[in-house]
């Protein structure tokens, strides 16, 4: 499954203005009607720019969150300057 591109979002916005159905939009974009339906649920009335910003925001928030903070980063850098191996640093930090 690939994400809807910004150019596709612009086309969807245009199709909405023309009054096309979800099925017609899906056929023209070679996408599933459910994909179009989900995309249109992002914002009402549909605006490509707003939907793109929403998608980018969600994409930026997904994935594993980092445990690295400023203090931990400094500790790691100090140990690396002392020529500690990453394995030894990781072991010491677990303790």
PDB file of N, CA and C in Angstrom:
ATOM      1  N   UNK A   1       0.846  -1.185   0.000  1.00  0.00           N
ATOM      2  CA  UNK A   1       0.000   0.000   0.000  1.00  0.00           C
ATOM      3  C   UNK A   1       0.887   1.242   0.000  1.00  0.00           C
ATOM      4  N   UNK A   2       0.635   2.135  -0.937  1.00  0.00           N
ATOM      5  CA  UNK A   2       1.414   3.367  -0.986  1.00  0.00           C
ATOM      6  C   UNK A   2       0.539   4.544  -0.562  1.00  0.00           C
ATOM      7  N   UNK A   3       1.193   5.553  -0.074  1.00  0.00           N
ATOM      8  CA  UNK A   3       0.480   6.734   0.417  1.00  0.00           C
ATOM      9  C   UNK A   3      -0.024   7.570  -0.749  1.00  0.00           C
ATOM     10  N   UNK A   4      -1.071   8.310  -0.470  1.00  0.00           N
ATOM     11  CA  UNK A   4      -1.593   9.265  -1.445  1.00  0.00           C
ATOM     12  C   UNK A   4      -0.564  10.389  -1.578  1.00  0.00           C
ATOM     13  N   UNK A   5      -0.233  10.772  -2.798  1.00  0.00           N
ATOM     14  CA  UNK A   5       0.744  11.837  -3.021  1.00  0.00           C
ATOM     15  C   UNK A   5       0.039  13.191  -3.005  1.00  0.00           C
ATOM     16  N   UNK A   6       0.849  14.230  -2.889  1.00  0.00           N
ATOM     17  CA  UNK A   6       0.284  15.580  -2.867  1.00  0.00           C
ATOM     18  C   UNK A   6      -0.427  15.877  -4.186  1.00  0.00           C
ATOM     19  N   UNK A   7       0.152  15.444  -5.306  1.00  0.00           N
ATOM     20  CA  UNK A   7      -0.500  15.700  -6.599  1.00  0.00           C
ATOM     21  C   UNK A   7      -1.839  14.966  -6.683  1.00  0.00           C
ATOM     22  N   UNK A   8      -1.929  13.771  -6.101  1.00  0.00           N
ATOM     23  CA  UNK A   8      -3.203  13.056  -6.067  1.00  0.00           C
ATOM     24  C   UNK A   8      -4.213  13.804  -5.190  1.00  0.00           C
ATOM     25  N   UNK A   9      -3.734  14.389  -4.107  1.00  0.00           N
ATOM     26  CA  UNK A   9      -4.627  15.159  -3.235  1.00  0.00           C
ATOM     27  C   UNK A   9      -5.189  16.378  -3.972  1.00  0.00           C
ATOM     28  N   UNK A  10      -4.364  17.013  -4.779  1.00  0.00           N
ATOM     29  CA  UNK A  10      -4.831  18.155  -5.572  1.00  0.00           C
ATOM     30  C   UNK A  10      -5.902  17.688  -6.556  1.00  0.00           C
ATOM     31  N   UNK A  11      -5.674  16.525  -7.178  1.00  0.00           N
ATOM     32  CA  UNK A  11      -6.666  15.979  -8.108  1.00  0.00           C
ATOM     33  C   UNK A  11      -7.966  15.652  -7.376  1.00  0.00           C
ATOM     34  N   UNK A  12      -7.857  15.070  -6.184  1.00  0.00           N
ATOM     35  CA  UNK A  12      -9.055  14.747  -5.398  1.00  0.00           C
ATOM     36  C   UNK A  12      -9.834  16.018  -5.084  1.00  0.00           C
ATOM     37  N   UNK A  13      -9.123  17.070  -4.709  1.00  0.00           N
ATOM     38  CA  UNK A  13      -9.795  18.349  -4.425  1.00  0.00           C
ATOM     39  C   UNK A  13     -10.542  18.845  -5.666  1.00  0.00           C
ATOM     40  N   UNK A  14      -9.902  18.757  -6.813  1.00  0.00           N
ATOM     41  CA  UNK A  14     -10.532  19.173  -8.075  1.00  0.00           C
ATOM     42  C   UNK A  14     -11.744  18.302  -8.385  1.00  0.00           C
ATOM     43  N   UNK A  15     -11.595  16.984  -8.196  1.00  0.00           N
ATOM     44  CA  UNK A  15     -12.704  16.065  -8.450  1.00  0.00           C
ATOM     45  C   UNK A  15     -13.897  16.377  -7.539  1.00  0.00           C
ATOM     46  N   UNK A  16     -13.615  16.733  -6.302  1.00  0.00           N
ATOM     47  CA  UNK A  16     -14.694  17.105  -5.362  1.00  0.00           C
ATOM     48  C   UNK A  16     -15.436  18.334  -5.877  1.00  0.00           C
ATOM     49  N   UNK A  17     -14.663  19.319  -6.359  1.00  0.00           N
ATOM     50  CA  UNK A  17     -15.275  20.539  -6.887  1.00  0.00           C
ATOM     51  C   UNK A  17     -16.126  20.247  -8.118  1.00  0.00           C
ATOM     52  N   UNK A  18     -15.731  19.208  -8.888  1.00  0.00           N
ATOM     53  CA  UNK A  18     -16.477  18.820 -10.084  1.00  0.00           C
ATOM     54  C   UNK A  18     -17.678  17.933  -9.754  1.00  0.00           C
ATOM     55  N   UNK A  19     -17.764  17.483  -8.512  1.00  0.00           N
ATOM     56  CA  UNK A  19     -18.894  16.675  -8.075  1.00  0.00           C
ATOM     57  C   UNK A  19     -18.781  15.187  -8.390  1.00  0.00           C
ATOM     58  N   UNK A  20     -17.562  14.680  -8.597  1.00  0.00           N
ATOM     59  CA  UNK A  20     -17.384  13.263  -8.874  1.00  0.00           C
ATOM     60  C   UNK A  20     -17.639  12.437  -7.617  1.00  0.00           C
ATOM     61  N   UNK A  21     -18.090  11.208  -7.810  1.00  0.00           N
ATOM     62  CA  UNK A  21     -18.298  10.295  -6.682  1.00  0.00           C
ATOM     63  C   UNK A  21     -16.963   9.687  -6.272  1.00  0.00           C
ATOM     64  N   UNK A  22     -16.953   9.068  -5.093  1.00  0.00           N
ATOM     65  CA  UNK A  22     -15.736   8.398  -4.625  1.00  0.00           C
ATOM     66  C   UNK A  22     -15.295   7.324  -5.614  1.00  0.00           C
ATOM     67  N   UNK A  23     -16.253   6.583  -6.159  1.00  0.00           N
ATOM     68  CA  UNK A  23     -15.938   5.512  -7.108  1.00  0.00           C
ATOM     69  C   UNK A  23     -15.309   6.079  -8.386  1.00  0.00           C
ATOM     70  N   UNK A  24     -15.837   7.200  -8.853  1.00  0.00           N
ATOM     71  CA  UNK A  24     -15.276   7.821 -10.064  1.00  0.00           C
ATOM     72  C   UNK A  24     -13.863   8.332  -9.808  1.00  0.00           C
ATOM     73  N   UNK A  25     -13.655   8.938  -8.636  1.00  0.00           N
ATOM     74  CA  UNK A  25     -12.314   9.414  -8.276  1.00  0.00           C
ATOM     75  C   UNK A  25     -11.345   8.241  -8.195  1.00  0.00           C
ATOM     76  N   UNK A  26     -11.783   7.172  -7.545  1.00  0.00           N
ATOM     77  CA  UNK A  26     -10.944   5.994  -7.371  1.00  0.00           C
ATOM     78  C   UNK A  26     -10.543   5.411  -8.722  1.00  0.00           C
ATOM     79  N   UNK A  27     -11.490   5.355  -9.636  1.00  0.00           N
ATOM     80  CA  UNK A  27     -11.214   4.806 -10.960  1.00  0.00           C
ATOM     81  C   UNK A  27     -10.188   5.658 -11.694  1.00  0.00           C
ATOM     82  N   UNK A  28     -10.346   6.973 -11.646  1.00  0.00           N
ATOM     83  CA  UNK A  28      -9.417   7.875 -12.350  1.00  0.00           C
ATOM     84  C   UNK A  28      -8.016   7.845 -11.744  1.00  0.00           C
ATOM     85  N   UNK A  29      -7.934   7.656 -10.416  1.00  0.00           N
ATOM     86  CA  UNK A  29      -6.630   7.650  -9.742  1.00  0.00           C
ATOM     87  C   UNK A  29      -6.049   6.240  -9.598  1.00  0.00           C
ATOM     88  N   UNK A  30      -6.837   5.237 -10.043  1.00  0.00           N
ATOM     89  CA  UNK A  30      -6.432   3.834  -9.907  1.00  0.00           C
ATOM     90  C   UNK A  30      -6.144   3.487  -8.444  1.00  0.00           C
ATOM     91  N   UNK A  31      -7.097   3.884  -7.608  1.00  0.00           N
ATOM     92  CA  UNK A  31      -7.049   3.626  -6.164  1.00  0.00           C
ATOM     93  C   UNK A  31      -8.339   2.950  -5.746  1.00  0.00           C
ATOM     94  N   UNK A  32      -8.340   2.382  -4.573  1.00  0.00           N
ATOM     95  CA  UNK A  32      -9.542   1.765  -4.019  1.00  0.00           C
ATOM     96  C   UNK A  32     -10.523   2.859  -3.590  1.00  0.00           C
ATOM     97  N   UNK A  33     -11.831   2.621  -3.777  1.00  0.00           N
ATOM     98  CA  UNK A  33     -12.808   3.604  -3.292  1.00  0.00           C
ATOM     99  C   UNK A  33     -12.700   3.846  -1.782  1.00  0.00           C
ATOM    100  N   UNK A  34     -12.304   2.811  -1.028  1.00  0.00           N
ATOM    101  CA  UNK A  34     -12.151   2.995   0.423  1.00  0.00           C
ATOM    102  C   UNK A  34     -10.976   3.922   0.737  1.00  0.00           C
ATOM    103  N   UNK A  35      -9.938   3.900  -0.103  1.00  0.00           N
ATOM    104  CA  UNK A  35      -8.803   4.817   0.082  1.00  0.00           C
ATOM    105  C   UNK A  35      -9.264   6.255  -0.124  1.00  0.00           C
ATOM    106  N   UNK A  36     -10.073   6.455  -1.145  1.00  0.00           N
ATOM    107  CA  UNK A  36     -10.602   7.800  -1.415  1.00  0.00           C
ATOM    108  C   UNK A  36     -11.504   8.245  -0.270  1.00  0.00           C
ATOM    109  N   UNK A  37     -12.347   7.337   0.196  1.00  0.00           N
ATOM    110  CA  UNK A  37     -13.248   7.654   1.308  1.00  0.00           C
ATOM    111  C   UNK A  37     -12.459   8.057   2.548  1.00  0.00           C
ATOM    112  N   UNK A  38     -11.413   7.286   2.862  1.00  0.00           N
ATOM    113  CA  UNK A  38     -10.572   7.609   4.022  1.00  0.00           C
ATOM    114  C   UNK A  38      -9.905   8.971   3.832  1.00  0.00           C
ATOM    115  N   UNK A  39      -9.394   9.213   2.639  1.00  0.00           N
ATOM    116  CA  UNK A  39      -8.714  10.477   2.357  1.00  0.00           C
ATOM    117  C   UNK A  39      -9.667  11.658   2.521  1.00  0.00           C
ATOM    118  N   UNK A  40     -10.902  11.501   2.052  1.00  0.00           N
ATOM    119  CA  UNK A  40     -11.878  12.582   2.165  1.00  0.00           C
ATOM    120  C   UNK A  40     -12.302  12.830   3.612  1.00  0.00           C
ATOM    121  N   UNK A  41     -12.125  11.829   4.451  1.00  0.00           N
ATOM    122  CA  UNK A  41     -12.494  12.005   5.865  1.00  0.00           C
ATOM    123  C   UNK A  41     -11.462  12.822   6.633  1.00  0.00           C
ATOM    124  N   UNK A  42     -10.320  13.103   6.021  1.00  0.00           N
ATOM    125  CA  UNK A  42      -9.267  13.884   6.687  1.00  0.00           C
ATOM    126  C   UNK A  42      -9.738  15.293   7.040  1.00  0.00           C
ATOM    127  N   UNK A  43     -10.519  15.895   6.152  1.00  0.00           N
ATOM    128  CA  UNK A  43     -11.019  17.245   6.418  1.00  0.00           C
ATOM    129  C   UNK A  43     -12.225  17.526   5.534  1.00  0.00           C
ATOM    130  N   UNK A  44     -13.152  18.283   6.064  1.00  0.00           N
ATOM    131  CA  UNK A  44     -14.355  18.667   5.310  1.00  0.00           C
ATOM    132  C   UNK A  44     -14.542  20.164   5.420  1.00  0.00           C
ATOM    133  N   UNK A  45     -14.705  20.923   4.371  1.00  0.00           N
ATOM    134  CA  UNK A  45     -14.591  20.486   2.993  1.00  0.00           C
ATOM    135  C   UNK A  45     -13.145  20.126   2.677  1.00  0.00           C
ATOM    136  N   UNK A  46     -12.957  19.214   1.720  1.00  0.00           N
ATOM    137  CA  UNK A  46     -11.624  18.682   1.427  1.00  0.00           C
ATOM    138  C   UNK A  46     -10.714  19.754   0.844  1.00  0.00           C
ATOM    139  N   UNK A  47      -9.534  19.871   1.432  1.00  0.00           N
ATOM    140  CA  UNK A  47      -8.509  20.795   0.945  1.00  0.00           C
ATOM    141  C   UNK A  47      -7.202  20.024   0.875  1.00  0.00           C
ATOM    142  N   UNK A  48      -6.621  19.951  -0.305  1.00  0.00           N
ATOM    143  CA  UNK A  48      -5.412  19.158  -0.526  1.00  0.00           C
ATOM    144  C   UNK A  48      -4.273  19.593   0.394  1.00  0.00           C
ATOM    145  N   UNK A  49      -4.081  20.881   0.529  1.00  0.00           N
ATOM    146  CA  UNK A  49      -2.971  21.392   1.338  1.00  0.00           C
ATOM    147  C   UNK A  49      -3.133  21.007   2.809  1.00  0.00           C
ATOM    148  N   UNK A  50      -4.340  21.133   3.321  1.00  0.00           N
ATOM    149  CA  UNK A  50      -4.614  20.779   4.711  1.00  0.00           C
ATOM    150  C   UNK A  50      -4.464  19.268   4.934  1.00  0.00           C
ATOM    151  N   UNK A  51      -4.948  18.476   3.975  1.00  0.00           N
ATOM    152  CA  UNK A  51      -4.831  17.020   4.075  1.00  0.00           C
ATOM    153  C   UNK A  51      -3.369  16.593   4.028  1.00  0.00           C
ATOM    154  N   UNK A  52      -2.565  17.264   3.200  1.00  0.00           N
ATOM    155  CA  UNK A  52      -1.137  16.949   3.106  1.00  0.00           C
ATOM    156  C   UNK A  52      -0.438  17.274   4.424  1.00  0.00           C
ATOM    157  N   UNK A  53      -0.734  18.414   5.006  1.00  0.00           N
ATOM    158  CA  UNK A  53      -0.131  18.798   6.281  1.00  0.00           C
ATOM    159  C   UNK A  53      -0.520  17.810   7.370  1.00  0.00           C
ATOM    160  N   UNK A  54      -1.772  17.372   7.371  1.00  0.00           N
ATOM    161  CA  UNK A  54      -2.259  16.389   8.333  1.00  0.00           C
ATOM    162  C   UNK A  54      -1.496  15.068   8.182  1.00  0.00           C
ATOM    163  N   UNK A  55      -1.333  14.626   6.937  1.00  0.00           N
ATOM    164  CA  UNK A  55      -0.630  13.365   6.670  1.00  0.00           C
ATOM    165  C   UNK A  55       0.836  13.445   7.101  1.00  0.00           C
ATOM    166  N   UNK A  56       1.495  14.558   6.795  1.00  0.00           N
ATOM    167  CA  UNK A  56       2.896  14.733   7.180  1.00  0.00           C
ATOM    168  C   UNK A  56       3.043  14.751   8.691  1.00  0.00           C
ATOM    169  N   UNK A  57       2.110  15.386   9.377  1.00  0.00           N
ATOM    170  CA  UNK A  57       2.145  15.444  10.835  1.00  0.00           C
ATOM    171  C   UNK A  57       2.004  14.041  11.433  1.00  0.00           C
ATOM    172  N   UNK A  58       1.045  13.279  10.925  1.00  0.00           N
ATOM    173  CA  UNK A  58       0.849  11.914  11.422  1.00  0.00           C
ATOM    174  C   UNK A  58       2.071  11.042  11.149  1.00  0.00           C
ATOM    175  N   UNK A  59       2.662  11.204   9.954  1.00  0.00           N
ATOM    176  CA  UNK A  59       3.838  10.416   9.594  1.00  0.00           C
ATOM    177  C   UNK A  59       5.017  10.751  10.498  1.00  0.00           C
ATOM    178  N   UNK A  60       5.151  12.016  10.877  1.00  0.00           N
ATOM    179  CA  UNK A  60       6.261  12.435  11.734  1.00  0.00           C
ATOM    180  C   UNK A  60       6.125  11.866  13.146  1.00  0.00           C
ATOM    181  N   UNK A  61       4.890  11.605  13.585  1.00  0.00           N
ATOM    182  CA  UNK A  61       4.655  11.127  14.945  1.00  0.00           C
ATOM    183  C   UNK A  61       4.682   9.610  15.063  1.00  0.00           C
ATOM    184  N   UNK A  62       4.734   8.906  13.923  1.00  0.00           N
ATOM    185  CA  UNK A  62       4.684   7.446  14.001  1.00  0.00           C
ATOM    186  C   UNK A  62       6.087   6.890  14.286  1.00  0.00           C
ATOM    187  N   UNK A  63       6.131   5.644  14.656  1.00  0.00           N
ATOM    188  CA  UNK A  63       7.413   4.995  14.908  1.00  0.00           C
ATOM    189  C   UNK A  63       7.791   5.022  16.375  1.00  0.00           C
ATOM    190  N   UNK A  64       8.922   4.438  16.637  1.00  0.00           N
ATOM    191  CA  UNK A  64       9.401   4.323  18.006  1.00  0.00           C
ATOM    192  C   UNK A  64       9.891   5.678  18.528  1.00  0.00           C
ATOM    193  N   UNK A  65       9.546   5.980  19.749  1.00  0.00           N
ATOM    194  CA  UNK A  65       9.981   7.225  20.374  1.00  0.00           C
ATOM    195  C   UNK A  65      11.378   7.034  20.962  1.00  0.00           C
ATOM    196  N   UNK A  66      12.192   8.057  20.877  1.00  0.00           N
ATOM    197  CA  UNK A  66      13.559   7.971  21.359  1.00  0.00           C
ATOM    198  C   UNK A  66      13.627   8.090  22.881  1.00  0.00           C
ATOM    199  N   UNK A  67      14.576   7.413  23.458  1.00  0.00           N
ATOM    200  CA  UNK A  67      14.821   7.526  24.895  1.00  0.00           C
ATOM    201  C   UNK A  67      16.027   8.433  25.160  1.00  0.00           C
ATOM    202  N   UNK A  68      16.601   8.943  24.076  1.00  0.00           N
ATOM    203  CA  UNK A  68      17.798   9.759  24.184  1.00  0.00           C
ATOM    204  C   UNK A  68      17.429  11.183  24.599  1.00  0.00           C
ATOM    205  N   UNK A  69      17.943  11.597  25.745  1.00  0.00           N
ATOM    206  CA  UNK A  69      17.762  12.976  26.183  1.00  0.00           C
ATOM    207  C   UNK A  69      19.140  13.640  26.256  1.00  0.00           C
ATOM    208  N   UNK A  70      19.184  14.906  26.603  1.00  0.00           N
ATOM    209  CA  UNK A  70      20.444  15.659  26.595  1.00  0.00           C
ATOM    210  C   UNK A  70      21.471  15.060  27.564  1.00  0.00           C
ATOM    211  N   UNK A  71      21.019  14.657  28.755  1.00  0.00           N
ATOM    212  CA  UNK A  71      21.941  14.103  29.756  1.00  0.00           C
ATOM    213  C   UNK A  71      22.524  12.770  29.288  1.00  0.00           C
ATOM    214  N   UNK A  72      21.665  11.900  28.755  1.00  0.00           N
ATOM    215  CA  UNK A  72      22.127  10.595  28.274  1.00  0.00           C
ATOM    216  C   UNK A  72      23.073  10.765  27.093  1.00  0.00           C
ATOM    217  N   UNK A  73      22.757  11.683  26.190  1.00  0.00           N
ATOM    218  CA  UNK A  73      23.622  11.933  25.037  1.00  0.00           C
ATOM    219  C   UNK A  73      25.000  12.388  25.496  1.00  0.00           C
ATOM    220  N   UNK A  74      25.057  13.280  26.460  1.00  0.00           N
ATOM    221  CA  UNK A  74      26.340  13.774  26.956  1.00  0.00           C
ATOM    222  C   UNK A  74      27.141  12.657  27.613  1.00  0.00           C
ATOM    223  N   UNK A  75      26.474  11.799  28.390  1.00  0.00           N
ATOM    224  CA  UNK A  75      27.141  10.662  29.026  1.00  0.00           C
ATOM    225  C   UNK A  75      27.758   9.750  27.977  1.00  0.00           C
ATOM    226  N   UNK A  76      27.006   9.451  26.930  1.00  0.00           N
ATOM    227  CA  UNK A  76      27.513   8.586  25.864  1.00  0.00           C
ATOM    228  C   UNK A  76      28.705   9.226  25.169  1.00  0.00           C
ATOM    229  N   UNK A  77      28.587  10.510  24.845  1.00  0.00           N
ATOM    230  CA  UNK A  77      29.699  11.204  24.178  1.00  0.00           C
ATOM    231  C   UNK A  77      30.949  11.232  25.048  1.00  0.00           C
ATOM    232  N   UNK A  78      30.780  11.444  26.358  1.00  0.00           N
ATOM    233  CA  UNK A  78      31.932  11.443  27.267  1.00  0.00           C
ATOM    234  C   UNK A  78      32.626  10.088  27.278  1.00  0.00           C
ATOM    235  N   UNK A  79      31.837   9.021  27.306  1.00  0.00           N
ATOM    236  CA  UNK A  79      32.429   7.682  27.312  1.00  0.00           C
ATOM    237  C   UNK A  79      33.115   7.370  25.980  1.00  0.00           C
ATOM    238  N   UNK A  80      32.548   7.846  24.889  1.00  0.00           N
ATOM    239  CA  UNK A  80      33.189   7.631  23.588  1.00  0.00           C
ATOM    240  C   UNK A  80      34.515   8.374  23.505  1.00  0.00           C
ATOM    241  N   UNK A  81      34.579   9.576  24.092  1.00  0.00           N
ATOM    242  CA  UNK A  81      35.843  10.336  24.118  1.00  0.00           C
ATOM    243  C   UNK A  81      36.917   9.604  24.923  1.00  0.00           C
ATOM    244  N   UNK A  82      36.472   8.807  25.894  1.00  0.00           N
ATOM    245  CA  UNK A  82      37.400   8.013  26.707  1.00  0.00           C
ATOM    246  C   UNK A  82      37.736   6.685  26.030  1.00  0.00           C
ATOM    247  N   UNK A  83      37.311   6.553  24.768  1.00  0.00           N
ATOM    248  CA  UNK A  83      37.577   5.361  23.947  1.00  0.00           C
ATOM    249  C   UNK A  83      36.854   4.116  24.433  1.00  0.00           C
ATOM    250  N   UNK A  84      35.733   4.288  25.121  1.00  0.00           N
ATOM    251  CA  UNK A  84      34.914   3.141  25.491  1.00  0.00           C
ATOM    252  C   UNK A  84      34.214   2.639  24.235  1.00  0.00           C
ATOM    253  N   UNK A  85      34.031   1.341  24.120  1.00  0.00           N
ATOM    254  CA  UNK A  85      33.307   0.794  22.980  1.00  0.00           C
ATOM    255  C   UNK A  85      31.804   0.997  23.205  1.00  0.00           C
ATOM    256  N   UNK A  86      31.027   1.054  22.130  1.00  0.00           N
ATOM    257  CA  UNK A  86      29.578   1.187  22.278  1.00  0.00           C
ATOM    258  C   UNK A  86      28.969   0.044  23.101  1.00  0.00           C
ATOM    259  N   UNK A  87      29.529  -1.146  22.966  1.00  0.00           N
ATOM    260  CA  UNK A  87      29.024  -2.294  23.724  1.00  0.00           C
ATOM    261  C   UNK A  87      29.220  -2.096  25.227  1.00  0.00           C
ATOM    262  N   UNK A  88      30.404  -1.603  25.612  1.00  0.00           N
ATOM    263  CA  UNK A  88      30.697  -1.376  27.031  1.00  0.00           C
ATOM    264  C   UNK A  88      29.807  -0.259  27.570  1.00  0.00           C
ATOM    265  N   UNK A  89      29.630   0.792  26.778  1.00  0.00           N
ATOM    266  CA  UNK A  89      28.768   1.902  27.203  1.00  0.00           C
ATOM    267  C   UNK A  89      27.343   1.392  27.421  1.00  0.00           C
ATOM    268  N   UNK A  90      26.825   0.614  26.475  1.00  0.00           N
ATOM    269  CA  UNK A  90      25.472   0.090  26.586  1.00  0.00           C
ATOM    270  C   UNK A  90      25.336  -0.776  27.824  1.00  0.00           C
ATOM    271  N   UNK A  91      26.341  -1.628  28.097  1.00  0.00           N
ATOM    272  CA  UNK A  91      26.301  -2.488  29.276  1.00  0.00           C
ATOM    273  C   UNK A  91      26.289  -1.657  30.552  1.00  0.00           C
ATOM    274  N   UNK A  92      27.124  -0.641  30.625  1.00  0.00           N
ATOM    275  CA  UNK A  92      27.194   0.210  31.811  1.00  0.00           C
ATOM    276  C   UNK A  92      25.878   0.981  32.019  1.00  0.00           C
ATOM    277  N   UNK A  93      25.276   1.412  30.930  1.00  0.00           N
ATOM    278  CA  UNK A  93      24.027   2.171  31.053  1.00  0.00           C
ATOM    279  C   UNK A  93      22.878   1.285  31.512  1.00  0.00           C
ATOM    280  N   UNK A  94      22.923  -0.002  31.184  1.00  0.00           N
ATOM    281  CA  UNK A  94      21.880  -0.913  31.659  1.00  0.00           C
ATOM    282  C   UNK A  94      21.941  -1.083  33.164  1.00  0.00           C
ATOM    283  N   UNK A  95      23.169  -0.996  33.701  1.00  0.00           N
ATOM    284  CA  UNK A  95      23.347  -1.155  35.157  1.00  0.00           C
ATOM    285  C   UNK A  95      22.928   0.124  35.831  1.00  0.00           C
TER     286      UNK A  95
END
